[in-house]
Amino acid sequence: MEKEIISWIYEAAEIIKSGLGDALKVDQKNGRTDLVTNVDKEVQDFIVEKINAFDPEALILGEENGQDQTPIDKGRVFVIDPIDGTLNFVMQRENFCIMIAVYEEGKGQLGFIYDVMRDELFWGGPKVGKVFFNQEEISAPENQSLREGLIGMNAALYRKNSYHAQEIGQASMGIRVLGCAGLDFIAIIKGTQIGYVSMLSPWDYAAGTIMMEQLGMSFTGKNQKPLSFQGREFFIGATQAAMAEIQAFDEDNR
């Protein structure tokens, strides 16, 4: 299955690159900074078509085209973010990803994050028992504490100090705001960030959390509860050491 998914991702990337020109059409979803393009929709349709041909019984949970309410707890579910970081895609023409995850009976099996413009694919999970950068197996990053590393952060959470975001950031070596969940997960997997604090939808965190778990790292939702895979929700992902420190901020302020 992984070989097929990787081939779909590379084909989808070519669709994205070809759509970067004058044919790009941009619409607003929930405000001027929440954008969707014709390319987002085209790429999701392309991937769904490939999935349907590969496994007609599979279900789809995807950001676009009205497929955002599918539960993941029964059967095989493909979770798709056709362009993660659409605002970056539109404004920067880089710093965006394709993300696909595969869940079976509610358990994450495979995650794929592809940085399109850098041609960097991170993928893996329990189905293969490893995590890869392109075709090279990677090891788990060092279990660093907050004070030893950088942490990815949602700008609005940090500005408002929601969920102690400013205290968490100040305890770290510094925060980074990338505007693309996929890139934050890549940074965690590579070990260049020790964590990520944000508000995410299922297609934002599905692929990354599968690989984080495979590499022995932690993630949680609000109040240290499991992620719901329903709507936009608070997310923390980090090394084991950093997670313990992050959760202590919440416990100290109860």
C-alpha atoms as a PDB file:
ATOM      1  CA  MET A   1       0.000   0.000   0.000  1.00  0.00           C
ATOM      2  CA  GLU A   2       2.773   2.451   0.852  1.00  0.00           C
ATOM      3  CA  LYS A   3       4.219   2.276  -2.661  1.00  0.00           C
ATOM      4  CA  GLU A   4       0.871   3.222  -4.179  1.00  0.00           C
ATOM      5  CA  ILE A   5       0.361   6.124  -1.785  1.00  0.00           C
ATOM      6  CA  ILE A   6       3.841   7.484  -2.464  1.00  0.00           C
ATOM      7  CA  SER A   7       3.178   7.401  -6.209  1.00  0.00           C
ATOM      8  CA  TRP A   8      -0.111   9.283  -5.706  1.00  0.00           C
ATOM      9  CA  ILE A   9       1.688  11.928  -3.652  1.00  0.00           C
ATOM     10  CA  TYR A  10       4.296  12.547  -6.332  1.00  0.00           C
ATOM     11  CA  GLU A  11       1.607  12.781  -9.019  1.00  0.00           C
ATOM     12  CA  ALA A  12      -0.422  15.165  -6.830  1.00  0.00           C
ATOM     13  CA  ALA A  13       2.670  17.334  -6.359  1.00  0.00           C
ATOM     14  CA  GLU A  14       2.911  17.809 -10.115  1.00  0.00           C
ATOM     15  CA  ILE A  15      -0.718  18.951 -10.192  1.00  0.00           C
ATOM     16  CA  ILE A  16       0.089  21.481  -7.484  1.00  0.00           C
ATOM     17  CA  LYS A  17       3.178  22.797  -9.232  1.00  0.00           C
ATOM     18  CA  SER A  18       1.294  23.192 -12.502  1.00  0.00           C
ATOM     19  CA  GLY A  19      -1.414  25.146 -10.668  1.00  0.00           C
ATOM     20  CA  LEU A  20       0.918  27.784  -9.263  1.00  0.00           C
ATOM     21  CA  GLY A  21       0.550  30.052 -12.298  1.00  0.00           C
ATOM     22  CA  ASP A  22      -2.198  32.270 -13.635  1.00  0.00           C
ATOM     23  CA  ALA A  23      -4.790  29.478 -13.397  1.00  0.00           C
ATOM     24  CA  LEU A  24      -4.761  29.625  -9.582  1.00  0.00           C
ATOM     25  CA  LYS A  25      -8.151  30.685  -8.205  1.00  0.00           C
ATOM     26  CA  VAL A  26      -8.387  31.653  -4.540  1.00  0.00           C
ATOM     27  CA  ASP A  27     -11.519  31.790  -2.369  1.00  0.00           C
ATOM     28  CA  GLN A  28     -12.127  32.516   1.304  1.00  0.00           C
ATOM     29  CA  LYS A  29     -13.647  29.927   3.646  1.00  0.00           C
ATOM     30  CA  ASN A  30     -13.979  31.586   7.067  1.00  0.00           C
ATOM     31  CA  GLY A  31     -12.193  34.889   6.520  1.00  0.00           C
ATOM     32  CA  ARG A  32      -9.463  36.524   4.488  1.00  0.00           C
ATOM     33  CA  THR A  33      -6.690  34.402   6.026  1.00  0.00           C
ATOM     34  CA  ASP A  34      -8.560  31.082   5.694  1.00  0.00           C
ATOM     35  CA  LEU A  35      -8.124  30.318   2.027  1.00  0.00           C
ATOM     36  CA  VAL A  36      -8.961  27.513  -0.360  1.00  0.00           C
ATOM     37  CA  THR A  37      -7.931  27.252  -3.992  1.00  0.00           C
ATOM     38  CA  ASN A  38      -9.082  25.326  -7.017  1.00  0.00           C
ATOM     39  CA  VAL A  39      -5.869  23.330  -6.681  1.00  0.00           C
ATOM     40  CA  ASP A  40      -6.743  22.146  -3.132  1.00  0.00           C
ATOM     41  CA  LYS A  41     -10.006  20.746  -4.430  1.00  0.00           C
ATOM     42  CA  GLU A  42      -8.473  19.273  -7.576  1.00  0.00           C
ATOM     43  CA  VAL A  43      -5.728  17.499  -5.626  1.00  0.00           C
ATOM     44  CA  GLN A  44      -8.153  16.024  -3.100  1.00  0.00           C
ATOM     45  CA  ASP A  45     -10.384  14.782  -5.933  1.00  0.00           C
ATOM     46  CA  PHE A  46      -7.336  13.225  -7.600  1.00  0.00           C
ATOM     47  CA  ILE A  47      -6.224  11.416  -4.437  1.00  0.00           C
ATOM     48  CA  VAL A  48      -9.765  10.230  -3.672  1.00  0.00           C
ATOM     49  CA  GLU A  49     -10.072   8.834  -7.188  1.00  0.00           C
ATOM     50  CA  LYS A  50      -6.838   6.894  -6.691  1.00  0.00           C
ATOM     51  CA  ILE A  51      -8.025   5.570  -3.327  1.00  0.00           C
ATOM     52  CA  ASN A  52     -11.389   4.485  -4.720  1.00  0.00           C
ATOM     53  CA  ALA A  53      -9.666   2.549  -7.498  1.00  0.00           C
ATOM     54  CA  PHE A  54      -7.228   0.950  -5.041  1.00  0.00           C
ATOM     55  CA  ASP A  55      -9.763   0.141  -2.296  1.00  0.00           C
ATOM     56  CA  PRO A  56     -13.438   0.785  -3.146  1.00  0.00           C
ATOM     57  CA  GLU A  57     -14.462   0.007   0.450  1.00  0.00           C
ATOM     58  CA  ALA A  58     -12.180   2.637   2.003  1.00  0.00           C
ATOM     59  CA  LEU A  59     -13.631   5.762   3.599  1.00  0.00           C
ATOM     60  CA  ILE A  60     -12.327   9.320   3.221  1.00  0.00           C
ATOM     61  CA  LEU A  61     -11.811  12.029   5.829  1.00  0.00           C
ATOM     62  CA  GLY A  62     -10.596  15.091   3.950  1.00  0.00           C
ATOM     63  CA  GLU A  63     -10.441  18.838   4.361  1.00  0.00           C
ATOM     64  CA  GLU A  64     -12.208  19.743   1.132  1.00  0.00           C
ATOM     65  CA  ASN A  65     -15.296  18.838  -0.888  1.00  0.00           C
ATOM     66  CA  GLY A  66     -17.620  18.035   2.015  1.00  0.00           C
ATOM     67  CA  GLN A  67     -15.657  15.030   3.270  1.00  0.00           C
ATOM     68  CA  ASP A  68     -14.714  16.474   6.659  1.00  0.00           C
ATOM     69  CA  GLN A  69     -17.091  14.564   8.966  1.00  0.00           C
ATOM     70  CA  THR A  70     -16.079  10.931   8.433  1.00  0.00           C
ATOM     71  CA  PRO A  71     -15.328   9.010  11.671  1.00  0.00           C
ATOM     72  CA  ILE A  72     -12.110   6.997  11.764  1.00  0.00           C
ATOM     73  CA  ASP A  73     -13.088   4.207  14.148  1.00  0.00           C
ATOM     74  CA  LYS A  74     -14.466   1.661  11.654  1.00  0.00           C
ATOM     75  CA  GLY A  75     -12.913   0.191   8.521  1.00  0.00           C
ATOM     76  CA  ARG A  76     -10.010   1.652   6.592  1.00  0.00           C
ATOM     77  CA  VAL A  77     -10.041   5.453   6.509  1.00  0.00           C
ATOM     78  CA  PHE A  78      -7.729   7.647   4.465  1.00  0.00           C
ATOM     79  CA  VAL A  79      -7.233  11.096   6.016  1.00  0.00           C
ATOM     80  CA  ILE A  80      -6.231  13.689   3.423  1.00  0.00           C
ATOM     81  CA  ASP A  81      -4.932  17.243   3.519  1.00  0.00           C
ATOM     82  CA  PRO A  82      -4.331  18.055  -0.163  1.00  0.00           C
ATOM     83  CA  ILE A  83      -2.434  21.269   0.574  1.00  0.00           C
ATOM     84  CA  ASP A  84      -1.498  21.856   4.193  1.00  0.00           C
ATOM     85  CA  GLY A  85      -0.488  25.504   4.503  1.00  0.00           C
ATOM     86  CA  THR A  86      -2.716  26.946   1.788  1.00  0.00           C
ATOM     87  CA  LEU A  87      -1.944  30.523   2.847  1.00  0.00           C
ATOM     88  CA  ASN A  88       1.772  29.796   2.381  1.00  0.00           C
ATOM     89  CA  PHE A  89       0.981  28.150  -0.959  1.00  0.00           C
ATOM     90  CA  VAL A  90      -0.834  31.271  -2.158  1.00  0.00           C
ATOM     91  CA  MET A  91       1.430  33.941  -0.643  1.00  0.00           C
ATOM     92  CA  GLN A  92       4.879  32.304  -0.639  1.00  0.00           C
ATOM     93  CA  ARG A  93       4.679  29.563  -3.291  1.00  0.00           C
ATOM     94  CA  GLU A  94       6.501  27.305  -0.828  1.00  0.00           C
ATOM     95  CA  ASN A  95       6.304  25.989   2.757  1.00  0.00           C
ATOM     96  CA  PHE A  96       3.281  23.736   2.198  1.00  0.00           C
ATOM     97  CA  CYS A  97       2.761  19.975   2.271  1.00  0.00           C
ATOM     98  CA  ILE A  98       0.626  17.109   1.049  1.00  0.00           C
ATOM     99  CA  MET A  99      -0.463  14.878   3.933  1.00  0.00           C
ATOM    100  CA  ILE A 100      -2.108  11.452   3.857  1.00  0.00           C
ATOM    101  CA  ALA A 101      -2.767   9.088   6.758  1.00  0.00           C
ATOM    102  CA  VAL A 102      -4.251   5.594   6.868  1.00  0.00           C
ATOM    103  CA  TYR A 103      -6.296   4.408   9.841  1.00  0.00           C
ATOM    104  CA  GLU A 104      -7.666   0.905  10.267  1.00  0.00           C
ATOM    105  CA  GLU A 105     -10.373   0.321  12.896  1.00  0.00           C
ATOM    106  CA  GLY A 106      -9.344   3.583  14.544  1.00  0.00           C
ATOM    107  CA  LYS A 107      -5.622   2.785  14.703  1.00  0.00           C
ATOM    108  CA  GLY A 108      -3.090   4.843  12.770  1.00  0.00           C
ATOM    109  CA  GLN A 109      -1.095   2.615  10.410  1.00  0.00           C
ATOM    110  CA  LEU A 110       0.703   4.874   7.927  1.00  0.00           C
ATOM    111  CA  GLY A 111       1.450   8.591   7.764  1.00  0.00           C
ATOM    112  CA  PHE A 112       2.912  10.582   4.864  1.00  0.00           C
ATOM    113  CA  ILE A 113       4.024  14.230   4.826  1.00  0.00           C
ATOM    114  CA  TYR A 114       5.530  15.612   1.628  1.00  0.00           C
ATOM    115  CA  ASP A 115       7.185  19.025   1.465  1.00  0.00           C
ATOM    116  CA  VAL A 116       6.385  19.658  -2.191  1.00  0.00           C
ATOM    117  CA  MET A 117       8.854  22.378  -3.101  1.00  0.00           C
ATOM    118  CA  ARG A 118      11.778  20.805  -1.203  1.00  0.00           C
ATOM    119  CA  ASP A 119      10.975  17.313  -2.510  1.00  0.00           C
ATOM    120  CA  GLU A 120      11.182  15.824   0.996  1.00  0.00           C
ATOM    121  CA  LEU A 121       8.933  12.922   1.953  1.00  0.00           C
ATOM    122  CA  PHE A 122       8.586  11.662   5.512  1.00  0.00           C
ATOM    123  CA  TRP A 123       6.527   8.520   5.956  1.00  0.00           C
ATOM    124  CA  GLY A 124       6.044   5.440   8.080  1.00  0.00           C
ATOM    125  CA  GLY A 125       4.125   3.912  10.962  1.00  0.00           C
ATOM    126  CA  PRO A 126       3.149   0.554  12.448  1.00  0.00           C
ATOM    127  CA  LYS A 127       2.320  -0.918   9.049  1.00  0.00           C
ATOM    128  CA  VAL A 128       6.026  -0.834   8.157  1.00  0.00           C
ATOM    129  CA  GLY A 129       7.412  -0.596  11.699  1.00  0.00           C
ATOM    130  CA  LYS A 130       9.688   2.324  10.808  1.00  0.00           C
ATOM    131  CA  VAL A 131       9.797   5.981   9.732  1.00  0.00           C
ATOM    132  CA  PHE A 132      11.606   7.062   6.585  1.00  0.00           C
ATOM    133  CA  PHE A 133      12.968  10.245   5.050  1.00  0.00           C
ATOM    134  CA  ASN A 134      12.464   9.502   1.370  1.00  0.00           C
ATOM    135  CA  GLN A 135      13.802   5.906   1.331  1.00  0.00           C
ATOM    136  CA  GLU A 136      16.220   6.174   4.265  1.00  0.00           C
ATOM    137  CA  GLU A 137      15.136   4.963   7.688  1.00  0.00           C
ATOM    138  CA  ILE A 138      15.466   7.566  10.415  1.00  0.00           C
ATOM    139  CA  SER A 139      16.017   7.100  14.134  1.00  0.00           C
ATOM    140  CA  ALA A 140      14.047   8.627  16.962  1.00  0.00           C
ATOM    141  CA  PRO A 141      15.256  12.131  17.871  1.00  0.00           C
ATOM    142  CA  GLU A 142      16.967  12.771  21.181  1.00  0.00           C
ATOM    143  CA  ASN A 143      14.514  13.077  24.075  1.00  0.00           C
ATOM    144  CA  GLN A 144      15.247  16.755  24.756  1.00  0.00           C
ATOM    145  CA  SER A 145      13.567  18.948  27.344  1.00  0.00           C
ATOM    146  CA  LEU A 146      11.898  22.296  26.693  1.00  0.00           C
ATOM    147  CA  ARG A 147      14.996  24.278  27.611  1.00  0.00           C
ATOM    148  CA  GLU A 148      17.059  22.340  25.069  1.00  0.00           C
ATOM    149  CA  GLY A 149      15.026  22.973  21.927  1.00  0.00           C
ATOM    150  CA  LEU A 150      12.751  25.094  19.765  1.00  0.00           C
ATOM    151  CA  ILE A 151       8.977  24.658  19.812  1.00  0.00           C
ATOM    152  CA  GLY A 152       6.471  25.246  17.038  1.00  0.00           C
ATOM    153  CA  MET A 153       3.608  27.496  18.043  1.00  0.00           C
ATOM    154  CA  ASN A 154       0.296  28.774  16.752  1.00  0.00           C
ATOM    155  CA  ALA A 155       0.634  32.563  16.594  1.00  0.00           C
ATOM    156  CA  ALA A 156      -2.847  33.299  17.969  1.00  0.00           C
ATOM    157  CA  LEU A 157      -2.378  30.972  20.940  1.00  0.00           C
ATOM    158  CA  TYR A 158       0.943  32.624  21.741  1.00  0.00           C
ATOM    159  CA  ARG A 159      -0.398  36.157  21.357  1.00  0.00           C
ATOM    160  CA  LYS A 160      -3.348  35.478  23.684  1.00  0.00           C
ATOM    161  CA  ASN A 161      -1.331  33.197  25.998  1.00  0.00           C
ATOM    162  CA  SER A 162      -3.985  30.522  25.594  1.00  0.00           C
ATOM    163  CA  TYR A 163      -3.202  27.211  27.318  1.00  0.00           C
ATOM    164  CA  HIS A 164      -0.052  28.823  28.821  1.00  0.00           C
ATOM    165  CA  ALA A 165       1.512  29.172  25.381  1.00  0.00           C
ATOM    166  CA  GLN A 166       3.736  32.091  26.370  1.00  0.00           C
ATOM    167  CA  GLU A 167       5.078  30.331  29.460  1.00  0.00           C
ATOM    168  CA  ILE A 168       5.772  27.231  27.387  1.00  0.00           C
ATOM    169  CA  GLY A 169       7.544  29.303  24.747  1.00  0.00           C
ATOM    170  CA  GLN A 170       9.607  31.167  27.334  1.00  0.00           C
ATOM    171  CA  ALA A 171      10.739  27.903  28.896  1.00  0.00           C
ATOM    172  CA  SER A 172      12.011  26.696  25.525  1.00  0.00           C
ATOM    173  CA  MET A 173      14.956  27.938  23.474  1.00  0.00           C
ATOM    174  CA  GLY A 174      12.451  29.850  21.319  1.00  0.00           C
ATOM    175  CA  ILE A 175       9.260  29.527  19.318  1.00  0.00           C
ATOM    176  CA  ARG A 176       8.813  29.050  15.579  1.00  0.00           C
ATOM    177  CA  VAL A 177       5.657  29.899  13.622  1.00  0.00           C
ATOM    178  CA  LEU A 178       5.729  28.057  10.291  1.00  0.00           C
ATOM    179  CA  GLY A 179       2.093  28.341   9.203  1.00  0.00           C
ATOM    180  CA  CYS A 180       2.017  24.697   8.134  1.00  0.00           C
ATOM    181  CA  ALA A 181       1.357  21.827  10.523  1.00  0.00           C
ATOM    182  CA  GLY A 182       3.134  19.396   8.215  1.00  0.00           C
ATOM    183  CA  LEU A 183       6.371  21.358   8.460  1.00  0.00           C
ATOM    184  CA  ASP A 184       6.123  21.447  12.254  1.00  0.00           C
ATOM    185  CA  PHE A 185       5.670  17.677  12.332  1.00  0.00           C
ATOM    186  CA  ILE A 186       8.635  17.251   9.976  1.00  0.00           C
ATOM    187  CA  ALA A 187      10.728  19.395  12.327  1.00  0.00           C
ATOM    188  CA  ILE A 188       9.748  17.225  15.298  1.00  0.00           C
ATOM    189  CA  ILE A 189      10.471  14.013  13.386  1.00  0.00           C
ATOM    190  CA  LYS A 190      13.879  15.356  12.302  1.00  0.00           C
ATOM    191  CA  GLY A 191      14.662  16.571  15.805  1.00  0.00           C
ATOM    192  CA  THR A 192      15.021  20.255  14.905  1.00  0.00           C
ATOM    193  CA  GLN A 193      12.016  21.104  17.145  1.00  0.00           C
ATOM    194  CA  ILE A 194      11.105  19.431  20.395  1.00  0.00           C
ATOM    195  CA  GLY A 195       7.368  20.093  20.115  1.00  0.00           C
ATOM    196  CA  TYR A 196       4.363  21.815  18.580  1.00  0.00           C
ATOM    197  CA  VAL A 197       1.413  23.613  20.209  1.00  0.00           C
ATOM    198  CA  SER A 198      -1.516  24.611  18.018  1.00  0.00           C
ATOM    199  CA  MET A 199      -5.199  24.379  17.105  1.00  0.00           C
ATOM    200  CA  LEU A 200      -5.569  21.634  14.507  1.00  0.00           C
ATOM    201  CA  SER A 201      -8.148  19.678  12.530  1.00  0.00           C
ATOM    202  CA  PRO A 202      -7.863  15.889  12.038  1.00  0.00           C
ATOM    203  CA  TRP A 203      -6.225  16.179   8.610  1.00  0.00           C
ATOM    204  CA  ASP A 204      -3.607  18.492  10.166  1.00  0.00           C
ATOM    205  CA  TYR A 205      -2.445  15.997  12.789  1.00  0.00           C
ATOM    206  CA  ALA A 206      -3.396  12.531  11.475  1.00  0.00           C
ATOM    207  CA  ALA A 207      -0.229  11.757   9.500  1.00  0.00           C
ATOM    208  CA  GLY A 208       2.225  13.435  11.856  1.00  0.00           C
ATOM    209  CA  THR A 209       0.977  11.766  15.024  1.00  0.00           C
ATOM    210  CA  ILE A 210       1.320   8.300  13.470  1.00  0.00           C
ATOM    211  CA  MET A 211       5.007   8.952  12.829  1.00  0.00           C
ATOM    212  CA  MET A 212       5.537  10.644  16.198  1.00  0.00           C
ATOM    213  CA  GLU A 213       4.101   7.619  17.981  1.00  0.00           C
ATOM    214  CA  GLN A 214       6.258   5.260  15.930  1.00  0.00           C
ATOM    215  CA  LEU A 215       9.301   7.242  17.084  1.00  0.00           C
ATOM    216  CA  GLY A 216       8.263   7.165  20.745  1.00  0.00           C
ATOM    217  CA  MET A 217       7.008  10.736  21.115  1.00  0.00           C
ATOM    218  CA  SER A 218       3.828  11.993  22.771  1.00  0.00           C
ATOM    219  CA  PHE A 219       0.756  13.969  21.747  1.00  0.00           C
ATOM    220  CA  THR A 220      -2.512  14.903  23.392  1.00  0.00           C
ATOM    221  CA  GLY A 221      -5.587  17.091  23.142  1.00  0.00           C
ATOM    222  CA  LYS A 222      -7.140  19.547  25.575  1.00  0.00           C
ATOM    223  CA  ASN A 223      -6.843  18.693  29.279  1.00  0.00           C
ATOM    224  CA  GLN A 224      -4.565  15.769  28.405  1.00  0.00           C
ATOM    225  CA  LYS A 225      -7.435  13.907  26.726  1.00  0.00           C
ATOM    226  CA  PRO A 226      -7.167  11.918  23.474  1.00  0.00           C
ATOM    227  CA  LEU A 227      -7.674  13.757  20.207  1.00  0.00           C
ATOM    228  CA  SER A 228     -11.287  13.529  19.051  1.00  0.00           C
ATOM    229  CA  PHE A 229     -10.864  13.594  15.245  1.00  0.00           C
ATOM    230  CA  GLN A 230     -13.886  15.896  15.222  1.00  0.00           C
ATOM    231  CA  GLY A 231     -13.420  19.532  14.250  1.00  0.00           C
ATOM    232  CA  ARG A 232     -10.656  21.909  15.226  1.00  0.00           C
ATOM    233  CA  GLU A 233      -9.094  21.237  18.615  1.00  0.00           C
ATOM    234  CA  PHE A 234      -6.164  22.047  20.881  1.00  0.00           C
ATOM    235  CA  PHE A 235      -3.081  19.958  20.164  1.00  0.00           C
ATOM    236  CA  ILE A 236       0.261  19.364  21.864  1.00  0.00           C
ATOM    237  CA  GLY A 237       2.924  17.073  20.440  1.00  0.00           C
ATOM    238  CA  ALA A 238       6.440  16.784  21.856  1.00  0.00           C
ATOM    239  CA  THR A 239       9.277  14.638  23.059  1.00  0.00           C
ATOM    240  CA  GLN A 240       8.473  12.705  26.230  1.00  0.00           C
ATOM    241  CA  ALA A 241      10.637  15.063  28.304  1.00  0.00           C
ATOM    242  CA  ALA A 242       9.135  18.246  26.863  1.00  0.00           C
ATOM    243  CA  MET A 243       5.582  16.886  27.126  1.00  0.00           C
ATOM    244  CA  ALA A 244       5.971  16.280  30.854  1.00  0.00           C
ATOM    245  CA  GLU A 245       7.097  19.889  31.318  1.00  0.00           C
ATOM    246  CA  ILE A 246       4.313  21.290  29.126  1.00  0.00           C
ATOM    247  CA  GLN A 247       1.656  19.362  31.025  1.00  0.00           C
ATOM    248  CA  ALA A 248       3.086  20.623  34.322  1.00  0.00           C
ATOM    249  CA  PHE A 249       2.171  24.201  33.314  1.00  0.00           C
ATOM    250  CA  ASP A 250      -1.466  23.143  33.068  1.00  0.00           C
ATOM    251  CA  GLU A 251      -1.413  21.235  36.345  1.00  0.00           C
ATOM    252  CA  ASP A 252       0.279  24.121  38.189  1.00  0.00           C
ATOM    253  CA  ASN A 253      -2.469  26.524  37.120  1.00  0.00           C
ATOM    254  CA  ARG A 254      -5.518  24.416  38.051  1.00  0.00           C
END
